[in-house]
Structure formats: C-alpha cells, structure tokens
C-alpha cells in the first residue's frame, strides 16, 4: 500500500479503484438536509438576535445572558456522542426526524410569558436535540456520495448554517421589532414542523452503505486508535477555535452591534447577516478548491488539512487587529472577515475523518468530534459575558473578549497545520486493521 493508502499491484504499479457513481436522488436528500441545517441555525441565532429585548424584559445582567448562551451547549456534546453511536445501528432517516420534532416542540413554551428559568430549560432541551444534528446529517450524506465526491455536498450542507441565519435574521428581526421576541420562537417551531412533514414524504436512506451489514463484515479499527490519531485530535482542536468564534457570533454579535457600537435593533438585524454571507462564500470556495486540488493529484494533507487550517490563522490575525482600527464600520468589517475565514475548517474536517474511519464506525467518530469542538460553545459566551461585566466599560469588555477569540483561533489553526495528515493516517490505520484481521484469521484457522 502507498503512503496515501492507495493499493498497489505486486509489480509496484498503482491500481486505480473504480469510483462509485452518485445515486439518483442524492442531491434531493442533500437539499432536504441543507434545509435541516437552515432550521438548525435559525433556532440557534434567535437568542442572540433578540438578546437586547430579552435582557431588557427579563432584567438580565451580561453574565446571566452569557449563561443563557452557554446553556444551549450544556447537553449538546453529550447528546451528540450518544446519538452518534445510535446511528451506527439505526437508520439516519428516523434519527433526523426525531431530532427535528424535539427542536420544534422546544420552541413553543416561549410564545407566552416566560421566566429566565423556563427560557434556560428550553434552550438546554433544544441544545440536546441539536447537538447531534451536523454529525448525523453528514453521516447521512456520506451514504449517498463516495469519498472523492464528498467535499461539495459537505460544503452545500454547511451552507444551511449560513442561510439559516441569512434567511432567518431579517424575518425574525421583523417579528421581534413589530411584534415580540416571544413570537419569533413560535415561528421557528412552526417551520420545524413543516420540515418534519417534508422529510417524512421525501427523506430516504443512502444506498451506498448499509452500516448494519458493514458492521458485520468490514475490519474494525479500535476506537482508541481512531480517537488518538493525530488527524482526529487536529480536527477537534482546529474546529474548536472556529466554533469559539461561531458561538460568540450566535450569542454576542447583535448585542455588540446595538450596545457596543450604538446601532438600532432594526439596523443590527441586517448587519448581523454579513458574517454569514461571507462565511457561506468561504464554505463554497473551500469545497470547490478542495475537490479541484484532489482531482489534480494533491494529497488530502494539502487539499484538506492545509486548506482548512491556514484561514484559521489568518482569520485570527485579522480579528486581533479589530480593537486598534477606528470607527464602527472597520470594526464590523474585521469581525466579519476574521471569524468568517474560520468556515473553511468545517468543510474539510468531516471528509478527513471519513477518509480513514470505517463506515460502520463513522457516525460515532463524527459525533465525538462534534461533541469535542462544540465544547467551545459552553465556554465562549460565558467568557465574553464575564469579561464585559468586569471591564471598565462595555466597549473595552467586548474588545478584550474578541481578542481572546483571536488568540484561540490562531492557536487552533497552528495545531491544525501540525496535526492534520489524513492520507498517512489512513495508510497507518488501514494497515494495522488488516494485520489485526489477518492475525485473527490465522488464530481461528484449523491447523
């Protein structure tokens, strides 16, 4: 076997394996899962978008609002891991349906008058339902596309997060400004139920992989080896930094625009779209560039690992300059460009993990990866709230919080550059699994 895990014939010539065709209906399911992620991120953004009215109505201090933002992620990671092992055995179609029902039902209690405690509990329940979403949706898509064709569908799926914000922010902000933040939550519950009906009618399981059959036939790699591989650690570390920026954007971006820079709630709603438009562009470009590079012979170390890590470092450097530029417009530009560049890592890490993980174990590995990097969602909003409350003035608190974010991004990007070697990881782990299978076969053969 070559260093990249490509099989070789006895004479040393490379054996080209035939690429699987993409089944009919693959892009229909991908589109439905794109909409799934649209709903997912609309649910996430609503608290940040309505942050100022919520803090005013419930008389919350910055630390309490930071706790509210972090509470969403309290069970997020635990649920992701549990469901990740479930989808190794259970059809992703039904798991996705169950998750979407939980999201919808968790929104409706906020339609009436609620206390801070009720809002907190509903966000925790919603977080438990949304924790497994991205990994299960990715696992479902990979049953429709072979490895070399996964970058673009992954990028398309991730567009759901951006469009969930781009589409939801003006609509929800209109509801918040003209009616009440309570009704914004109710609207999301209704949209969630509409997706459930569409998925029931059109959602199907991918035909390329039967994970239950594969579980009985394909060689297994011990989970400890998968989880301690440098590429897994690198993916978790790199995406942790990106998610730190994302969770701050979900919780604190709009309050910063309103309270830190003095914009109106109406203007802030439109400004809040900008990071997601830029991030969506980065996601599509990364998916396209990665696939083109691989088609031209680049290793996945370069076409995925380096391509995803470098933007993290650059984005962190851009964000680090934000406190030193004059005027609100330049600060917003830095806050759009810096964290937006992080989006590249979301495109490349799932395919890298899928590259060396057996299909029957992939659901769990993607879920554990997601559970680790989304821990940033528990930490980052709380850190920002604490820093703001303890700062001499509010704007200084925001600037310190975003500087901490910049340091985390740069550090995670450097770790990605050092640790992401999926092609050599695949060769090493596959060789070890084959040797283990051969030893086991020899042990049970009759003498």
Protein backbone atom coordinates (compact mmCIF):
# COMPACT_ATOMS: atom_id res chain seq x y z
CA UNK A 1 0.00 0.00 0.00
CA UNK A 2 1.27 3.51 -0.83
CA UNK A 3 1.76 6.30 1.67
CA UNK A 4 -1.63 7.64 0.77
CA UNK A 5 -3.38 4.37 1.25
CA UNK A 6 -3.72 3.58 -2.48
CA UNK A 7 -3.44 -0.14 -3.23
CA UNK A 8 -0.54 -1.31 -5.37
CA UNK A 9 -0.12 -4.37 -7.50
CA UNK A 10 2.71 -6.83 -6.99
CA UNK A 11 4.88 -5.07 -9.57
CA UNK A 12 4.55 -1.76 -7.75
CA UNK A 13 2.11 -0.13 -10.18
CA UNK A 14 -0.82 1.74 -8.72
CA UNK A 15 -4.18 0.02 -9.00
CA UNK A 16 -6.94 2.52 -9.71
CA UNK A 17 -10.17 1.62 -7.99
CA UNK A 18 -13.34 2.46 -9.85
CA UNK A 19 -15.20 5.45 -8.45
CA UNK A 20 -18.75 4.79 -7.36
CA UNK A 21 -21.50 6.63 -9.20
CA UNK A 22 -23.61 9.11 -7.28
CA UNK A 23 -27.08 7.53 -6.91
CA UNK A 24 -30.21 9.17 -8.23
CA UNK A 25 -31.87 11.27 -5.56
CA UNK A 26 -28.62 12.11 -3.75
CA UNK A 27 -28.95 15.84 -4.30
CA UNK A 28 -32.64 15.83 -3.35
CA UNK A 29 -31.77 14.37 0.04
CA UNK A 30 -28.82 16.76 0.30
CA UNK A 31 -31.16 19.69 -0.32
CA UNK A 32 -33.53 18.47 2.40
CA UNK A 33 -30.60 18.19 4.80
CA UNK A 34 -29.49 21.68 3.75
CA UNK A 35 -32.95 22.87 4.87
CA UNK A 36 -32.50 20.83 8.06
CA UNK A 37 -29.40 22.89 8.82
CA UNK A 38 -31.25 26.10 7.89
CA UNK A 39 -33.77 25.37 10.64
CA UNK A 40 -30.96 24.29 12.97
CA UNK A 41 -29.12 27.59 12.77
CA UNK A 42 -32.25 29.73 12.76
CA UNK A 43 -33.02 28.08 16.11
CA UNK A 44 -29.51 28.89 17.34
CA UNK A 45 -29.44 32.56 16.28
CA UNK A 46 -32.75 33.67 17.75
CA UNK A 47 -31.47 34.25 21.31
CA UNK A 48 -28.56 36.37 20.11
CA UNK A 49 -30.78 38.30 17.70
CA UNK A 50 -33.32 39.02 20.44
CA UNK A 51 -30.59 39.49 23.03
CA UNK A 52 -31.29 43.14 23.88
CA UNK A 53 -35.11 42.75 24.21
CA UNK A 54 -34.65 39.55 26.25
CA UNK A 55 -32.13 41.21 28.60
CA UNK A 56 -34.46 44.21 28.94
CA UNK A 57 -37.66 42.23 29.57
CA UNK A 58 -36.11 39.70 31.95
CA UNK A 59 -33.73 42.26 33.53
CA UNK A 60 -30.63 40.14 32.86
CA UNK A 61 -27.04 41.11 33.59
CA UNK A 62 -24.33 40.31 30.96
CA UNK A 63 -23.16 37.30 32.99
CA UNK A 64 -26.72 35.90 33.04
CA UNK A 65 -27.10 36.39 29.29
CA UNK A 66 -23.74 34.70 28.79
CA UNK A 67 -25.03 31.78 30.86
CA UNK A 68 -28.15 31.64 28.66
CA UNK A 69 -25.96 31.44 25.55
CA UNK A 70 -23.81 28.73 27.10
CA UNK A 71 -26.78 26.72 28.42
CA UNK A 72 -27.68 25.73 24.87
CA UNK A 73 -24.46 23.69 24.77
CA UNK A 74 -24.81 22.07 28.22
CA UNK A 75 -26.13 18.74 26.85
CA UNK A 76 -25.12 19.44 23.25
CA UNK A 77 -21.94 17.35 23.30
CA UNK A 78 -23.35 14.52 25.44
CA UNK A 79 -26.35 14.11 23.13
CA UNK A 80 -24.08 14.20 20.09
CA UNK A 81 -21.98 11.29 21.36
CA UNK A 82 -24.95 9.16 22.43
CA UNK A 83 -26.79 9.64 19.15
CA UNK A 84 -23.55 9.14 17.20
CA UNK A 85 -23.31 5.56 18.46
CA UNK A 86 -27.02 5.06 17.81
CA UNK A 87 -26.72 5.98 14.12
CA UNK A 88 -24.07 3.30 13.70
CA UNK A 89 -27.00 0.89 14.05
CA UNK A 90 -30.21 2.83 13.41
CA UNK A 91 -31.38 4.44 10.16
CA UNK A 92 -30.38 8.10 9.96
CA UNK A 93 -33.79 8.85 8.42
CA UNK A 94 -35.63 8.24 11.69
CA UNK A 95 -32.97 9.81 13.88
CA UNK A 96 -33.09 13.04 11.87
CA UNK A 97 -36.88 13.07 12.10
CA UNK A 98 -36.80 12.67 15.89
CA UNK A 99 -34.28 15.47 16.30
CA UNK A 100 -36.37 17.89 14.23
CA UNK A 101 -39.51 17.13 16.29
CA UNK A 102 -37.59 17.93 19.50
CA UNK A 103 -36.45 21.27 18.05
CA UNK A 104 -39.97 22.30 17.12
CA UNK A 105 -41.53 21.36 20.46
CA UNK A 106 -38.81 23.13 22.44
CA UNK A 107 -39.73 26.49 20.87
CA UNK A 108 -43.42 26.73 21.72
CA UNK A 109 -43.17 27.37 25.51
CA UNK A 110 -41.53 30.74 24.74
CA UNK A 111 -44.61 32.04 22.93
CA UNK A 112 -46.21 33.06 26.25
CA UNK A 113 -44.79 34.92 29.21
CA UNK A 114 -41.74 33.04 30.49
CA UNK A 115 -39.23 33.32 33.28
CA UNK A 116 -35.46 33.19 32.86
CA UNK A 117 -35.54 29.63 34.26
CA UNK A 118 -38.08 28.43 31.67
CA UNK A 119 -36.09 30.01 28.85
CA UNK A 120 -32.93 28.40 30.20
CA UNK A 121 -34.51 24.93 30.38
CA UNK A 122 -35.96 25.19 26.87
CA UNK A 123 -32.56 26.19 25.46
CA UNK A 124 -30.93 23.23 27.21
CA UNK A 125 -33.53 20.84 25.71
CA UNK A 126 -33.11 22.44 22.29
CA UNK A 127 -29.33 22.09 22.56
CA UNK A 128 -29.68 18.38 23.39
CA UNK A 129 -31.80 17.96 20.25
CA UNK A 130 -29.47 19.98 18.05
CA UNK A 131 -26.18 18.56 19.35
CA UNK A 132 -26.19 15.51 17.04
CA UNK A 133 -27.60 17.38 14.02
CA UNK A 134 -24.49 18.22 11.98
CA UNK A 135 -22.74 14.87 12.50
CA UNK A 136 -25.86 12.80 11.76
CA UNK A 137 -26.67 14.87 8.65
CA UNK A 138 -23.07 14.49 7.43
CA UNK A 139 -23.14 10.75 8.10
CA UNK A 140 -26.41 10.54 6.16
CA UNK A 141 -24.97 12.41 3.17
CA UNK A 142 -21.89 10.19 3.06
CA UNK A 143 -24.21 7.25 2.36
CA UNK A 144 -25.04 8.98 -0.93
CA UNK A 145 -21.57 10.11 -2.13
CA UNK A 146 -18.22 8.27 -2.48
CA UNK A 147 -15.20 9.73 -0.69
CA UNK A 148 -13.73 11.67 -3.62
CA UNK A 149 -17.08 13.42 -4.22
CA UNK A 150 -17.89 14.45 -0.65
CA UNK A 151 -16.34 17.93 -0.41
CA UNK A 152 -19.02 19.76 -2.40
CA UNK A 153 -22.03 18.08 -0.75
CA UNK A 154 -20.41 18.75 2.64
CA UNK A 155 -19.98 22.40 1.67
CA UNK A 156 -23.58 22.54 0.43
CA UNK A 157 -24.83 21.05 3.69
CA UNK A 158 -22.86 23.63 5.63
CA UNK A 159 -24.49 26.39 3.60
CA UNK A 160 -27.60 25.56 5.60
CA UNK A 161 -25.97 27.14 8.65
CA UNK A 162 -25.24 30.36 6.77
CA UNK A 163 -28.60 30.50 5.03
CA UNK A 164 -30.34 29.66 8.29
CA UNK A 165 -29.01 32.98 9.55
CA UNK A 166 -29.25 34.92 6.28
CA UNK A 167 -32.91 33.97 5.78
CA UNK A 168 -33.97 33.94 9.41
CA UNK A 169 -32.38 37.16 10.65
CA UNK A 170 -34.48 39.65 8.61
CA UNK A 171 -37.66 37.62 9.09
CA UNK A 172 -37.19 37.05 12.83
CA UNK A 173 -35.94 40.57 13.39
CA UNK A 174 -39.12 41.91 11.75
CA UNK A 175 -41.19 39.78 14.14
CA UNK A 176 -39.12 40.98 17.12
CA UNK A 177 -39.34 44.68 16.17
CA UNK A 178 -43.00 44.71 15.11
CA UNK A 179 -44.50 42.14 17.47
CA UNK A 180 -42.45 40.42 20.17
CA UNK A 181 -39.42 38.22 20.64
CA UNK A 182 -41.83 35.58 22.01
CA UNK A 183 -43.47 35.13 18.60
CA UNK A 184 -40.08 34.69 16.92
CA UNK A 185 -39.65 31.45 18.88
CA UNK A 186 -43.16 30.29 17.90
CA UNK A 187 -42.48 30.94 14.21
CA UNK A 188 -39.40 28.71 14.40
CA UNK A 189 -41.47 25.91 15.97
CA UNK A 190 -43.91 26.03 13.04
CA UNK A 191 -41.07 26.00 10.48
CA UNK A 192 -39.57 22.97 12.24
CA UNK A 193 -42.82 21.03 11.91
CA UNK A 194 -43.02 21.90 8.20
CA UNK A 195 -39.56 20.36 7.69
CA UNK A 196 -40.67 17.23 9.57
CA UNK A 197 -43.57 16.81 7.12
CA UNK A 198 -41.26 17.27 4.11
CA UNK A 199 -38.74 14.74 5.45
CA UNK A 200 -41.46 12.19 6.11
CA UNK A 201 -42.54 12.50 2.48
CA UNK A 202 -39.16 12.66 0.72
CA UNK A 203 -36.35 11.61 3.09
CA UNK A 204 -34.58 8.32 2.34
CA UNK A 205 -31.54 6.37 3.47
CA UNK A 206 -28.49 6.42 1.19
CA UNK A 207 -27.89 3.23 -0.84
CA UNK A 208 -24.07 3.28 -1.00
CA UNK A 209 -23.57 1.98 2.53
CA UNK A 210 -25.51 -0.39 4.72
CA UNK A 211 -23.84 0.31 8.06
CA UNK A 212 -25.54 -2.63 9.76
CA UNK A 213 -24.20 -5.05 7.13
CA UNK A 214 -20.79 -3.36 7.14
CA UNK A 215 -20.60 -3.70 10.91
CA UNK A 216 -20.58 -7.47 10.48
CA UNK A 217 -18.12 -7.63 7.56
CA UNK A 218 -15.63 -4.76 7.37
CA UNK A 219 -12.45 -4.67 9.50
CA UNK A 220 -12.78 -2.60 12.67
CA UNK A 221 -10.26 -0.10 13.97
CA UNK A 222 -10.29 0.23 17.78
CA UNK A 223 -11.97 3.47 18.82
CA UNK A 224 -8.95 4.35 20.98
CA UNK A 225 -6.73 4.32 17.88
CA UNK A 226 -9.18 6.47 15.92
CA UNK A 227 -9.65 8.98 18.74
CA UNK A 228 -5.93 9.30 19.48
CA UNK A 229 -4.89 9.64 15.84
CA UNK A 230 -3.21 12.97 15.17
CA UNK A 231 -5.74 13.87 12.49
CA UNK A 232 -8.71 13.35 14.83
CA UNK A 233 -7.03 15.44 17.52
CA UNK A 234 -6.12 18.08 14.92
CA UNK A 235 -9.68 18.25 13.61
CA UNK A 236 -11.13 18.64 17.10
CA UNK A 237 -8.57 21.29 18.05
CA UNK A 238 -8.85 23.30 14.83
CA UNK A 239 -12.65 23.28 14.77
CA UNK A 240 -12.76 24.21 18.48
CA UNK A 241 -11.23 27.57 17.58
CA UNK A 242 -13.66 28.09 14.72
CA UNK A 243 -16.62 27.22 16.92
CA UNK A 244 -15.46 29.63 19.60
CA UNK A 245 -15.91 32.38 17.01
CA UNK A 246 -19.21 30.96 15.79
CA UNK A 247 -20.76 30.69 19.26
CA UNK A 248 -19.79 34.29 20.01
CA UNK A 249 -21.42 35.30 16.74
CA UNK A 250 -24.60 33.43 17.65
CA UNK A 251 -24.86 34.97 21.12
CA UNK A 252 -23.00 38.27 21.24
CA UNK A 253 -22.71 39.73 17.72
CA UNK A 254 -26.08 41.54 17.69
CA UNK A 255 -25.81 42.83 21.30
CA UNK A 256 -22.33 44.15 20.39
CA UNK A 257 -23.73 45.99 17.37
CA UNK A 258 -26.54 47.53 19.46
CA UNK A 259 -24.92 48.19 22.84
CA UNK A 260 -21.25 48.32 21.90
CA UNK A 261 -21.45 50.33 18.66
CA UNK A 262 -24.79 52.10 19.10
CA UNK A 263 -26.78 50.79 16.12
CA UNK A 264 -30.56 50.35 16.33
CA UNK A 265 -32.11 46.88 16.69
CA UNK A 266 -33.52 47.22 13.16
CA UNK A 267 -30.11 48.09 11.61
CA UNK A 268 -28.35 45.45 13.70
CA UNK A 269 -30.61 42.78 12.22
CA UNK A 270 -29.31 43.48 8.72
CA UNK A 271 -25.69 43.90 9.84
CA UNK A 272 -25.91 40.51 11.59
CA UNK A 273 -26.32 38.84 8.20
CA UNK A 274 -22.91 39.96 6.91
CA UNK A 275 -20.67 37.39 8.71
CA UNK A 276 -22.85 34.57 7.42
CA UNK A 277 -22.83 35.80 3.82
CA UNK A 278 -19.04 35.97 3.93
CA UNK A 279 -18.80 32.61 5.69
CA UNK A 280 -21.07 31.00 3.10
CA UNK A 281 -18.77 32.24 0.34
CA UNK A 282 -15.73 30.78 2.11
CA UNK A 283 -17.50 27.42 2.55
CA UNK A 284 -18.39 27.09 -1.13
CA UNK A 285 -14.93 28.21 -2.27
CA UNK A 286 -13.24 25.77 0.11
CA UNK A 287 -15.36 22.83 -1.06
CA UNK A 288 -14.74 23.64 -4.71
CA UNK A 289 -10.99 24.30 -4.31
CA UNK A 290 -10.53 21.13 -2.25
CA UNK A 291 -12.22 18.96 -4.85
CA UNK A 292 -10.28 20.57 -7.73
CA UNK A 293 -6.97 20.11 -5.88
CA UNK A 294 -7.71 16.43 -5.25
CA UNK A 295 -8.70 15.91 -8.89
CA UNK A 296 -5.31 17.36 -9.88
CA UNK A 297 -3.43 14.96 -7.63
CA UNK A 298 -2.94 16.88 -4.37
CA UNK A 299 -2.77 14.81 -1.21
CA UNK A 300 -5.58 15.23 1.27
CA UNK A 301 -2.96 16.62 3.67
CA UNK A 302 -2.78 19.69 1.38
CA UNK A 303 -6.23 19.71 -0.22
CA UNK A 304 -7.99 19.33 3.12
CA UNK A 305 -5.63 19.79 6.08
CA UNK A 306 -3.62 22.83 4.99
CA UNK A 307 -6.52 24.36 3.09
CA UNK A 308 -8.66 24.34 6.25
CA UNK A 309 -6.03 25.42 8.78
CA UNK A 310 -4.38 28.41 7.11
CA UNK A 311 -7.60 30.51 7.03
CA UNK A 312 -7.96 29.98 10.79
CA UNK A 313 -4.57 31.55 11.43
CA UNK A 314 -5.21 34.43 9.02
CA UNK A 315 -8.69 34.99 10.47
CA UNK A 316 -7.27 35.13 13.99
CA UNK A 317 -4.70 37.73 12.94
CA UNK A 318 -7.42 39.85 11.32
CA UNK A 319 -9.61 39.67 14.44
CA UNK A 320 -6.65 40.56 16.66
CA UNK A 321 -6.37 43.90 14.81
CA UNK A 322 -10.03 44.83 15.40
CA UNK A 323 -9.56 46.75 18.70
CA UNK A 324 -6.99 49.01 17.01
CA UNK A 325 -8.95 50.15 13.96
CA UNK A 326 -11.02 53.36 14.15
CA UNK A 327 -14.76 53.58 13.61
CA UNK A 328 -17.61 51.13 13.85
CA UNK A 329 -17.60 50.24 10.14
CA UNK A 330 -13.99 48.98 10.18
CA UNK A 331 -14.58 47.07 13.39
CA UNK A 332 -17.58 45.34 11.83
CA UNK A 333 -15.52 44.52 8.71
CA UNK A 334 -12.80 42.90 10.84
CA UNK A 335 -15.44 40.98 12.80
CA UNK A 336 -16.97 39.74 9.55
CA UNK A 337 -13.74 38.73 7.80
CA UNK A 338 -11.80 37.22 10.73
CA UNK A 339 -14.33 34.69 12.05
CA UNK A 340 -15.74 34.18 8.53
CA UNK A 341 -12.44 32.70 7.33
CA UNK A 342 -12.83 30.00 10.01
CA UNK A 343 -15.64 28.46 7.98
CA UNK A 344 -13.12 26.62 5.80
CA UNK A 345 -12.33 24.12 8.55
CA UNK A 346 -15.92 22.85 8.74
CA UNK A 347 -15.76 21.75 5.09
CA UNK A 348 -12.56 19.73 5.27
CA UNK A 349 -12.61 18.01 8.67
CA UNK A 350 -15.60 15.63 8.22
CA UNK A 351 -14.22 14.25 4.91
CA UNK A 352 -10.79 13.83 6.54
CA UNK A 353 -12.30 11.79 9.37
CA UNK A 354 -14.42 9.80 6.91
CA UNK A 355 -11.29 9.10 4.91
CA UNK A 356 -9.80 6.71 7.47
CA UNK A 357 -12.81 5.73 9.62
CA UNK A 358 -14.72 2.54 8.70
CA UNK A 359 -18.26 3.40 7.60
CA UNK A 360 -19.81 1.34 10.40
CA UNK A 361 -17.91 3.45 12.96
CA UNK A 362 -18.14 6.82 11.21
CA UNK A 363 -21.34 8.01 12.88
CA UNK A 364 -19.79 7.74 16.33
CA UNK A 365 -16.46 9.32 15.30
CA UNK A 366 -18.15 12.30 13.64
CA UNK A 367 -20.35 12.71 16.72
CA UNK A 368 -17.44 12.58 19.18
CA UNK A 369 -15.56 15.08 17.00
CA UNK A 370 -18.60 17.36 17.09
CA UNK A 371 -19.02 16.89 20.83
CA UNK A 372 -15.43 17.98 21.46
CA UNK A 373 -15.29 21.08 19.30
CA UNK A 374 -18.70 22.34 20.39
CA UNK A 375 -17.44 22.50 23.97
CA UNK A 376 -16.30 25.93 22.81
CA UNK A 377 -19.98 26.86 22.78
CA UNK A 378 -20.19 26.31 26.54
CA UNK A 379 -17.06 28.32 27.28
CA UNK A 380 -17.00 31.25 24.83
CA UNK A 381 -20.34 33.02 25.57
CA UNK A 382 -19.70 32.74 29.32
CA UNK A 383 -16.18 34.14 28.97
CA UNK A 384 -17.46 37.09 26.94
CA UNK A 385 -20.25 37.83 29.45
CA UNK A 386 -17.84 37.72 32.38
CA UNK A 387 -15.26 39.91 30.63
CA UNK A 388 -17.89 42.52 29.69
CA UNK A 389 -19.34 42.68 33.19
CA UNK A 390 -15.92 43.10 34.82
CA UNK A 391 -14.48 45.57 32.31
CA UNK A 392 -14.14 49.28 32.98
CA UNK A 393 -16.65 49.99 30.20
CA UNK A 394 -18.73 47.85 27.88
CA UNK A 395 -16.79 48.50 24.66
CA UNK A 396 -13.46 47.62 26.34
CA UNK A 397 -15.05 44.39 27.58
CA UNK A 398 -16.13 43.44 24.06
CA UNK A 399 -12.67 44.23 22.66
CA UNK A 400 -10.99 42.05 25.28
CA UNK A 401 -13.42 39.21 24.57
CA UNK A 402 -12.78 39.33 20.83
CA UNK A 403 -9.00 39.46 21.42
CA UNK A 404 -9.27 36.24 23.44
CA UNK A 405 -11.20 34.79 20.49
CA UNK A 406 -8.36 35.80 18.13
CA UNK A 407 -5.74 34.03 20.26
CA UNK A 408 -7.86 30.84 20.36
CA UNK A 409 -8.29 30.93 16.56
CA UNK A 410 -4.59 31.35 15.86
CA UNK A 411 -3.63 28.57 18.28
CA UNK A 412 -6.17 26.15 16.86
CA UNK A 413 -5.08 26.91 13.30
CA UNK A 414 -1.44 26.20 14.16
CA UNK A 415 -2.46 22.88 15.76
CA UNK A 416 -4.36 22.02 12.59
CA UNK A 417 -1.29 22.67 10.45
CA UNK A 418 0.82 20.47 12.70
CA UNK A 419 -1.59 17.55 13.14
CA UNK A 420 -3.77 17.12 10.03
CA UNK A 421 -2.25 14.28 7.97
CA UNK A 422 -5.26 12.21 6.83
CA UNK A 423 -3.56 10.43 3.92
CA UNK A 424 -0.76 8.95 6.05
CA UNK A 425 -3.24 8.33 8.87
CA UNK A 426 -5.37 6.27 6.52
CA UNK A 427 -2.39 4.16 5.42
CA UNK A 428 -1.28 3.53 9.01
CA UNK A 429 -4.69 2.68 10.46
CA UNK A 430 -5.81 0.59 7.49
CA UNK A 431 -2.56 -1.39 7.58
CA UNK A 432 -2.96 -2.00 11.30
CA UNK A 433 -6.56 -3.17 10.86
CA UNK A 434 -5.57 -5.52 8.06
CA UNK A 435 -2.75 -7.02 10.13
CA UNK A 436 -5.07 -7.48 13.08
CA UNK A 437 -7.70 -9.15 10.88
CA UNK A 438 -5.03 -11.43 9.40
CA UNK A 439 -3.75 -12.43 12.82
CA UNK A 440 -7.27 -13.17 13.98
CA UNK A 441 -7.98 -15.27 10.89
CA UNK A 442 -4.77 -17.23 11.43
CA UNK A 443 -5.67 -17.84 15.06
CA UNK A 444 -9.02 -19.41 14.20
CA UNK A 445 -7.88 -21.40 11.12
CA UNK A 446 -7.63 -25.17 11.57
CA UNK A 447 -4.06 -26.46 11.88
